[in-house]
N, C-alpha and C. Protein backbone atom coordinates (compact mmCIF):
# COMPACT_ATOMS: atom_id res chain seq x y z
N MET A 1 180.66 69.91 -104.44
CA MET A 1 179.46 69.12 -104.35
C MET A 1 179.64 67.96 -103.36
N LYS A 2 180.84 67.35 -103.36
CA LYS A 2 181.10 66.25 -102.43
C LYS A 2 180.98 66.72 -100.99
N THR A 3 181.49 67.90 -100.71
CA THR A 3 181.44 68.44 -99.35
C THR A 3 180.00 68.62 -98.89
N THR A 4 179.13 69.15 -99.76
CA THR A 4 177.73 69.34 -99.41
C THR A 4 177.06 68.00 -99.13
N ALA A 5 177.34 66.99 -99.93
CA ALA A 5 176.75 65.67 -99.73
C ALA A 5 177.22 65.07 -98.41
N CYS A 6 178.49 65.23 -98.09
CA CYS A 6 179.02 64.70 -96.83
C CYS A 6 178.38 65.38 -95.63
N ILE A 7 178.21 66.69 -95.72
CA ILE A 7 177.59 67.44 -94.63
C ILE A 7 176.14 66.98 -94.47
N LEU A 8 175.42 66.81 -95.57
CA LEU A 8 174.02 66.38 -95.53
C LEU A 8 173.91 65.00 -94.88
N PHE A 9 174.75 64.05 -95.30
CA PHE A 9 174.70 62.71 -94.72
C PHE A 9 175.07 62.72 -93.24
N ALA A 10 176.03 63.53 -92.87
CA ALA A 10 176.42 63.64 -91.47
C ALA A 10 175.29 64.22 -90.64
N ALA A 11 174.62 65.24 -91.16
CA ALA A 11 173.49 65.85 -90.45
C ALA A 11 172.35 64.86 -90.30
N LEU A 12 172.08 64.09 -91.33
CA LEU A 12 171.02 63.08 -91.25
C LEU A 12 171.37 62.01 -90.22
N GLY A 13 172.61 61.65 -90.15
CA GLY A 13 173.05 60.67 -89.16
C GLY A 13 172.85 61.17 -87.74
N LEU A 14 173.12 62.45 -87.51
CA LEU A 14 172.92 63.02 -86.18
C LEU A 14 171.45 63.17 -85.83
N ALA A 15 170.60 63.33 -86.85
CA ALA A 15 169.18 63.53 -86.60
C ALA A 15 168.43 62.22 -86.44
N THR A 16 169.07 61.09 -86.69
CA THR A 16 168.41 59.80 -86.59
C THR A 16 168.11 59.50 -85.12
N PRO A 17 166.84 59.21 -84.80
CA PRO A 17 166.50 58.93 -83.40
C PRO A 17 167.10 57.60 -82.95
N ALA A 18 167.30 57.48 -81.66
CA ALA A 18 167.80 56.23 -81.11
C ALA A 18 166.73 55.17 -81.28
N PHE A 19 167.16 53.95 -81.55
CA PHE A 19 166.21 52.87 -81.74
C PHE A 19 165.76 52.34 -80.38
N ALA A 20 164.46 52.06 -80.30
CA ALA A 20 163.91 51.50 -79.07
C ALA A 20 164.35 50.05 -78.95
N ALA A 21 164.48 49.60 -77.73
CA ALA A 21 164.86 48.21 -77.47
C ALA A 21 163.61 47.38 -77.23
N ASP A 22 163.73 46.10 -77.49
CA ASP A 22 162.66 45.15 -77.22
C ASP A 22 163.06 44.29 -76.03
N HIS A 23 162.11 44.09 -75.13
CA HIS A 23 162.34 43.27 -73.93
C HIS A 23 161.24 42.22 -73.85
N GLU A 24 161.48 41.20 -73.04
CA GLU A 24 160.48 40.15 -72.87
C GLU A 24 160.33 39.80 -71.40
N VAL A 25 159.09 39.65 -70.98
CA VAL A 25 158.76 39.17 -69.64
C VAL A 25 157.89 37.94 -69.83
N LYS A 26 158.25 36.84 -69.20
CA LYS A 26 157.52 35.58 -69.35
C LYS A 26 156.56 35.37 -68.18
N ALA A 27 155.35 34.94 -68.50
CA ALA A 27 154.37 34.53 -67.48
C ALA A 27 154.50 33.02 -67.36
N LEU A 28 154.91 32.57 -66.17
CA LEU A 28 155.26 31.16 -65.98
C LEU A 28 154.50 30.53 -64.81
N ASN A 29 154.20 29.25 -64.95
CA ASN A 29 153.64 28.50 -63.82
C ASN A 29 154.74 28.22 -62.80
N ARG A 30 155.96 28.01 -63.28
CA ARG A 30 157.11 27.80 -62.40
C ARG A 30 158.30 28.45 -63.06
N GLY A 31 159.01 29.27 -62.28
CA GLY A 31 160.17 29.97 -62.80
C GLY A 31 161.22 30.14 -61.74
N PRO A 32 162.24 30.94 -62.00
CA PRO A 32 163.33 31.14 -61.05
C PRO A 32 162.86 31.67 -59.69
N GLY A 33 161.76 32.43 -59.68
CA GLY A 33 161.27 33.00 -58.43
C GLY A 33 160.21 32.18 -57.74
N GLY A 34 159.92 30.96 -58.24
CA GLY A 34 158.93 30.10 -57.61
C GLY A 34 157.76 29.80 -58.53
N ALA A 35 156.60 29.58 -57.92
CA ALA A 35 155.39 29.22 -58.67
C ALA A 35 154.61 30.47 -59.04
N PHE A 36 154.05 30.47 -60.25
CA PHE A 36 153.21 31.53 -60.77
C PHE A 36 153.90 32.89 -60.63
N VAL A 37 154.87 33.09 -61.54
CA VAL A 37 155.73 34.28 -61.51
C VAL A 37 155.87 34.90 -62.89
N PHE A 38 156.27 36.14 -62.89
CA PHE A 38 156.74 36.81 -64.09
C PHE A 38 158.26 36.79 -64.03
N ASP A 39 158.90 36.52 -65.17
CA ASP A 39 160.35 36.46 -65.21
C ASP A 39 160.86 37.32 -66.36
N PRO A 40 161.62 38.38 -66.05
CA PRO A 40 162.04 38.84 -64.74
C PRO A 40 160.89 39.58 -64.02
N PRO A 41 160.92 39.57 -62.69
CA PRO A 41 159.86 40.26 -61.95
C PRO A 41 160.01 41.79 -61.96
N LEU A 42 161.23 42.28 -62.13
CA LEU A 42 161.50 43.72 -62.20
C LEU A 42 162.34 43.99 -63.44
N LEU A 43 161.87 44.92 -64.24
CA LEU A 43 162.55 45.24 -65.49
C LEU A 43 162.72 46.75 -65.58
N ARG A 44 163.91 47.18 -65.93
CA ARG A 44 164.18 48.61 -66.15
C ARG A 44 164.35 48.83 -67.65
N VAL A 45 163.61 49.81 -68.20
CA VAL A 45 163.66 50.09 -69.63
C VAL A 45 163.79 51.59 -69.86
N ALA A 46 164.14 51.96 -71.07
CA ALA A 46 164.22 53.36 -71.47
C ALA A 46 162.87 53.78 -72.06
N PRO A 47 162.55 55.07 -71.99
CA PRO A 47 161.32 55.54 -72.65
C PRO A 47 161.35 55.17 -74.13
N GLY A 48 160.23 54.66 -74.62
CA GLY A 48 160.13 54.23 -76.01
C GLY A 48 160.40 52.75 -76.21
N ASP A 49 160.95 52.07 -75.21
CA ASP A 49 161.20 50.64 -75.32
C ASP A 49 159.89 49.87 -75.31
N ARG A 50 159.92 48.70 -75.94
CA ARG A 50 158.76 47.81 -75.98
C ARG A 50 159.02 46.60 -75.10
N VAL A 51 157.97 46.18 -74.40
CA VAL A 51 158.03 44.96 -73.59
C VAL A 51 156.94 44.03 -74.08
N THR A 52 157.33 42.81 -74.42
CA THR A 52 156.35 41.79 -74.78
C THR A 52 156.18 40.88 -73.58
N PHE A 53 154.97 40.83 -73.09
CA PHE A 53 154.60 39.93 -72.00
C PHE A 53 154.17 38.63 -72.67
N LYS A 54 154.99 37.59 -72.51
CA LYS A 54 154.77 36.31 -73.17
C LYS A 54 153.99 35.37 -72.26
N ALA A 55 152.85 34.90 -72.75
CA ALA A 55 152.05 33.91 -72.03
C ALA A 55 152.67 32.53 -72.32
N VAL A 56 153.83 32.28 -71.73
CA VAL A 56 154.56 31.04 -71.99
C VAL A 56 153.72 29.85 -71.55
N ASP A 57 153.19 29.93 -70.35
CA ASP A 57 152.29 28.89 -69.85
C ASP A 57 150.85 29.41 -69.98
N ALA A 58 149.93 28.51 -70.22
CA ALA A 58 148.54 28.88 -70.48
C ALA A 58 147.86 29.44 -69.23
N ASN A 59 146.80 30.20 -69.49
CA ASN A 59 145.88 30.70 -68.47
C ASN A 59 146.42 31.88 -67.67
N HIS A 60 147.34 32.66 -68.24
CA HIS A 60 147.83 33.86 -67.58
C HIS A 60 147.34 35.10 -68.31
N THR A 61 147.23 36.19 -67.58
CA THR A 61 146.95 37.50 -68.15
C THR A 61 148.00 38.46 -67.62
N VAL A 62 148.02 39.67 -68.15
CA VAL A 62 148.87 40.71 -67.60
C VAL A 62 148.11 42.03 -67.73
N GLY A 63 148.14 42.82 -66.67
CA GLY A 63 147.49 44.13 -66.70
C GLY A 63 147.99 44.98 -65.56
N THR A 64 147.83 46.27 -65.72
CA THR A 64 148.34 47.20 -64.72
C THR A 64 147.59 47.07 -63.40
N VAL A 65 148.32 47.28 -62.32
CA VAL A 65 147.72 47.35 -60.99
C VAL A 65 147.03 48.71 -60.88
N ARG A 66 145.81 48.71 -60.42
CA ARG A 66 145.05 49.96 -60.30
C ARG A 66 145.83 50.99 -59.47
N GLY A 67 146.05 52.17 -60.06
CA GLY A 67 146.74 53.25 -59.37
C GLY A 67 148.25 53.17 -59.38
N MET A 68 148.80 52.14 -60.04
CA MET A 68 150.25 51.97 -60.00
C MET A 68 150.87 52.16 -61.38
N ILE A 69 150.56 53.32 -61.99
CA ILE A 69 151.20 53.75 -63.22
C ILE A 69 151.41 55.25 -63.12
N PRO A 70 152.36 55.80 -63.86
CA PRO A 70 152.61 57.24 -63.80
C PRO A 70 151.42 58.05 -64.32
N ALA A 71 151.29 59.27 -63.85
CA ALA A 71 150.25 60.17 -64.34
C ALA A 71 150.41 60.34 -65.85
N GLY A 72 149.32 60.24 -66.57
CA GLY A 72 149.34 60.40 -68.02
C GLY A 72 149.59 59.12 -68.79
N ALA A 73 149.99 58.05 -68.11
CA ALA A 73 150.22 56.76 -68.78
C ALA A 73 148.90 56.03 -68.95
N GLN A 74 148.84 55.18 -69.95
CA GLN A 74 147.64 54.39 -70.22
C GLN A 74 147.76 53.01 -69.59
N PRO A 75 146.71 52.56 -68.90
CA PRO A 75 146.73 51.19 -68.38
C PRO A 75 146.70 50.19 -69.54
N PHE A 76 147.10 48.96 -69.25
CA PHE A 76 147.07 47.92 -70.27
C PHE A 76 146.54 46.63 -69.65
N LYS A 77 145.99 45.77 -70.51
CA LYS A 77 145.45 44.49 -70.05
C LYS A 77 145.41 43.53 -71.23
N SER A 78 145.88 42.30 -71.00
CA SER A 78 145.86 41.28 -72.05
C SER A 78 144.64 40.38 -71.89
N GLU A 79 144.42 39.61 -72.92
CA GLU A 79 143.44 38.53 -72.83
C GLU A 79 144.14 37.32 -72.23
N ARG A 80 143.36 36.40 -71.71
CA ARG A 80 143.91 35.19 -71.10
C ARG A 80 144.68 34.37 -72.14
N SER A 81 145.88 33.94 -71.76
CA SER A 81 146.76 33.10 -72.58
C SER A 81 147.22 33.78 -73.87
N LYS A 82 147.21 35.11 -73.91
CA LYS A 82 147.65 35.86 -75.10
C LYS A 82 148.84 36.74 -74.75
N ASP A 83 149.80 36.82 -75.67
CA ASP A 83 150.93 37.74 -75.51
C ASP A 83 150.43 39.17 -75.67
N LEU A 84 151.14 40.09 -75.06
CA LEU A 84 150.81 41.52 -75.17
C LEU A 84 152.10 42.30 -75.25
N THR A 85 152.20 43.18 -76.25
CA THR A 85 153.36 44.06 -76.37
C THR A 85 152.94 45.48 -76.02
N VAL A 86 153.69 46.10 -75.12
CA VAL A 86 153.41 47.45 -74.64
C VAL A 86 154.63 48.31 -74.91
N THR A 87 154.41 49.50 -75.49
CA THR A 87 155.48 50.49 -75.65
C THR A 87 155.36 51.46 -74.49
N PHE A 88 156.42 51.57 -73.70
CA PHE A 88 156.43 52.43 -72.51
C PHE A 88 157.04 53.78 -72.88
N THR A 89 156.22 54.82 -72.92
CA THR A 89 156.70 56.15 -73.30
C THR A 89 156.75 57.11 -72.12
N THR A 90 155.92 56.89 -71.11
CA THR A 90 155.88 57.78 -69.94
C THR A 90 156.79 57.23 -68.85
N PRO A 91 157.81 57.98 -68.43
CA PRO A 91 158.71 57.51 -67.38
C PRO A 91 157.97 57.30 -66.05
N GLY A 92 158.45 56.32 -65.29
CA GLY A 92 157.90 56.05 -63.97
C GLY A 92 157.79 54.57 -63.67
N ILE A 93 157.07 54.28 -62.59
CA ILE A 93 156.89 52.91 -62.11
C ILE A 93 155.55 52.38 -62.59
N TYR A 94 155.56 51.17 -63.15
CA TYR A 94 154.35 50.48 -63.59
C TYR A 94 154.28 49.14 -62.86
N GLY A 95 153.26 48.96 -62.04
CA GLY A 95 153.02 47.66 -61.43
C GLY A 95 152.05 46.89 -62.31
N TYR A 96 152.26 45.60 -62.45
CA TYR A 96 151.33 44.78 -63.23
C TYR A 96 151.10 43.45 -62.52
N GLU A 97 150.02 42.77 -62.92
CA GLU A 97 149.62 41.54 -62.25
C GLU A 97 148.95 40.60 -63.24
N CYS A 98 148.88 39.33 -62.86
CA CYS A 98 148.07 38.34 -63.57
C CYS A 98 146.74 38.29 -62.84
N PHE A 99 145.68 38.68 -63.51
CA PHE A 99 144.37 38.75 -62.87
C PHE A 99 143.85 37.39 -62.44
N VAL A 100 144.33 36.32 -63.07
CA VAL A 100 143.89 34.97 -62.74
C VAL A 100 144.56 34.48 -61.45
N HIS A 101 145.81 34.85 -61.24
CA HIS A 101 146.60 34.28 -60.13
C HIS A 101 147.03 35.32 -59.09
N ILE A 102 146.36 36.43 -59.04
CA ILE A 102 146.78 37.48 -58.12
C ILE A 102 146.41 37.18 -56.66
N HIS A 103 145.21 36.70 -56.44
CA HIS A 103 144.76 36.52 -55.05
C HIS A 103 145.42 35.33 -54.37
N SER A 104 145.55 34.22 -55.09
CA SER A 104 146.11 33.03 -54.45
C SER A 104 147.64 32.99 -54.46
N PHE A 105 148.26 33.60 -55.49
CA PHE A 105 149.72 33.51 -55.62
C PHE A 105 150.43 34.86 -55.60
N GLY A 106 149.68 35.95 -55.69
CA GLY A 106 150.31 37.27 -55.73
C GLY A 106 151.20 37.44 -56.95
N MET A 107 150.75 36.96 -58.11
CA MET A 107 151.57 36.99 -59.33
C MET A 107 151.65 38.43 -59.85
N THR A 108 152.77 39.10 -59.55
CA THR A 108 152.96 40.50 -59.91
C THR A 108 154.35 40.73 -60.49
N GLY A 109 154.50 41.89 -61.08
CA GLY A 109 155.79 42.32 -61.59
C GLY A 109 155.82 43.83 -61.70
N MET A 110 156.95 44.36 -62.13
CA MET A 110 157.11 45.81 -62.18
C MET A 110 158.06 46.20 -63.31
N VAL A 111 157.71 47.30 -63.98
CA VAL A 111 158.58 47.91 -64.99
C VAL A 111 158.88 49.32 -64.51
N VAL A 112 160.15 49.70 -64.54
CA VAL A 112 160.56 51.07 -64.22
C VAL A 112 161.09 51.66 -65.52
N VAL A 113 160.46 52.75 -65.95
CA VAL A 113 160.81 53.38 -67.22
C VAL A 113 161.65 54.62 -66.96
N GLY A 114 162.81 54.68 -67.60
CA GLY A 114 163.68 55.85 -67.49
C GLY A 114 164.30 56.03 -66.13
N ASN A 115 164.34 54.96 -65.33
CA ASN A 115 164.88 55.03 -63.97
C ASN A 115 164.21 56.14 -63.17
N ASP A 116 162.95 56.43 -63.49
CA ASP A 116 162.18 57.50 -62.86
C ASP A 116 161.32 56.91 -61.75
N LEU A 117 161.58 57.31 -60.54
CA LEU A 117 160.83 56.82 -59.38
C LEU A 117 159.91 57.90 -58.81
N SER A 118 159.57 58.90 -59.62
CA SER A 118 158.79 60.03 -59.11
C SER A 118 157.38 59.66 -58.67
N ASN A 119 156.84 58.53 -59.13
CA ASN A 119 155.51 58.12 -58.66
C ASN A 119 155.60 57.04 -57.58
N MET A 120 156.73 56.99 -56.87
CA MET A 120 156.94 56.00 -55.82
C MET A 120 155.88 56.09 -54.73
N ALA A 121 155.55 57.29 -54.28
CA ALA A 121 154.55 57.43 -53.20
C ALA A 121 153.19 56.89 -53.66
N ALA A 122 152.78 57.21 -54.87
CA ALA A 122 151.51 56.71 -55.40
C ALA A 122 151.56 55.20 -55.56
N ALA A 123 152.70 54.67 -56.00
CA ALA A 123 152.85 53.23 -56.17
C ALA A 123 152.75 52.52 -54.83
N LYS A 124 153.37 53.07 -53.79
CA LYS A 124 153.28 52.48 -52.45
C LYS A 124 151.85 52.51 -51.94
N SER A 125 151.16 53.60 -52.19
CA SER A 125 149.76 53.73 -51.77
C SER A 125 148.89 52.70 -52.50
N ALA A 126 149.11 52.52 -53.80
CA ALA A 126 148.36 51.53 -54.57
C ALA A 126 148.66 50.12 -54.08
N ALA A 127 149.92 49.83 -53.80
CA ALA A 127 150.31 48.51 -53.30
C ALA A 127 149.62 48.20 -51.98
N ALA A 128 149.48 49.20 -51.14
CA ALA A 128 148.85 49.02 -49.83
C ALA A 128 147.38 48.62 -49.94
N GLN A 129 146.77 48.84 -51.09
CA GLN A 129 145.35 48.52 -51.30
C GLN A 129 145.14 47.13 -51.90
N THR A 130 146.21 46.39 -52.16
CA THR A 130 146.10 45.09 -52.80
C THR A 130 146.00 43.97 -51.76
N PRO A 131 145.58 42.77 -52.18
CA PRO A 131 145.51 41.63 -51.25
C PRO A 131 146.87 41.33 -50.63
N PRO A 132 146.90 40.71 -49.45
CA PRO A 132 148.16 40.53 -48.69
C PRO A 132 149.32 39.89 -49.44
N VAL A 133 149.09 38.81 -50.18
CA VAL A 133 150.19 38.15 -50.88
C VAL A 133 150.76 39.07 -51.96
N GLU A 134 149.87 39.72 -52.72
CA GLU A 134 150.30 40.66 -53.75
C GLU A 134 151.02 41.85 -53.12
N ARG A 135 150.47 42.37 -52.03
CA ARG A 135 151.06 43.53 -51.36
C ARG A 135 152.51 43.26 -50.98
N ALA A 136 152.77 42.10 -50.38
CA ALA A 136 154.13 41.77 -49.96
C ALA A 136 155.09 41.74 -51.16
N LYS A 137 154.63 41.16 -52.26
CA LYS A 137 155.50 41.08 -53.44
C LYS A 137 155.72 42.46 -54.06
N LEU A 138 154.66 43.26 -54.14
CA LEU A 138 154.81 44.61 -54.70
C LEU A 138 155.72 45.47 -53.83
N GLU A 139 155.56 45.38 -52.52
CA GLU A 139 156.43 46.16 -51.62
C GLU A 139 157.89 45.75 -51.77
N ALA A 140 158.14 44.45 -51.95
CA ALA A 140 159.52 43.99 -52.15
C ALA A 140 160.07 44.50 -53.49
N LEU A 141 159.24 44.52 -54.52
CA LEU A 141 159.69 45.04 -55.83
C LEU A 141 159.94 46.55 -55.77
N LEU A 142 159.10 47.27 -55.04
CA LEU A 142 159.31 48.72 -54.88
C LEU A 142 160.62 49.00 -54.14
N ALA A 143 160.90 48.21 -53.11
CA ALA A 143 162.16 48.37 -52.39
C ALA A 143 163.35 48.07 -53.30
N GLN A 144 163.22 47.04 -54.11
CA GLN A 144 164.29 46.70 -55.06
C GLN A 144 164.46 47.80 -56.10
N ALA A 145 163.36 48.35 -56.59
CA ALA A 145 163.43 49.43 -57.58
C ALA A 145 164.14 50.65 -56.99
N ALA A 146 163.90 50.90 -55.71
CA ALA A 146 164.51 52.04 -55.04
C ALA A 146 165.98 51.78 -54.65
N GLY A 147 166.41 50.54 -54.88
CA GLY A 147 167.80 50.22 -54.56
C GLY A 147 167.99 49.70 -53.16
N GLY A 148 166.89 49.33 -52.50
CA GLY A 148 166.97 48.88 -51.12
C GLY A 148 166.82 47.42 -50.94
């Protein structure tokens, strides 16, 4: 009977799914990267991980850049000055921005899920459609994501 119990517990241990990790991105008026930034600006996570976008300073939002998410993924958008937690299940590149500070400051960031860059061409195309300050920051983040 002891042997059966040991085998059962061992099998249950092997069947236990890996736990998702929790990450945090801060929306800041001033941070390590300058004025009106997300910190960190580029985050790599595993599928199933959760990211909480913290409205540390007031009057920030966070939401996906149009066209800059993997096929099948759901866009997300927070309310002004509210935290938002997103579970990333679809691998790929996700561009996001603060809708309040995008045009004047280019306040953007990026999450890469599963180290999957398969939507890089679509992400570059979406970045090319954004205002100049945002475009420059997104292009720099895409180059960093690609290892360049």
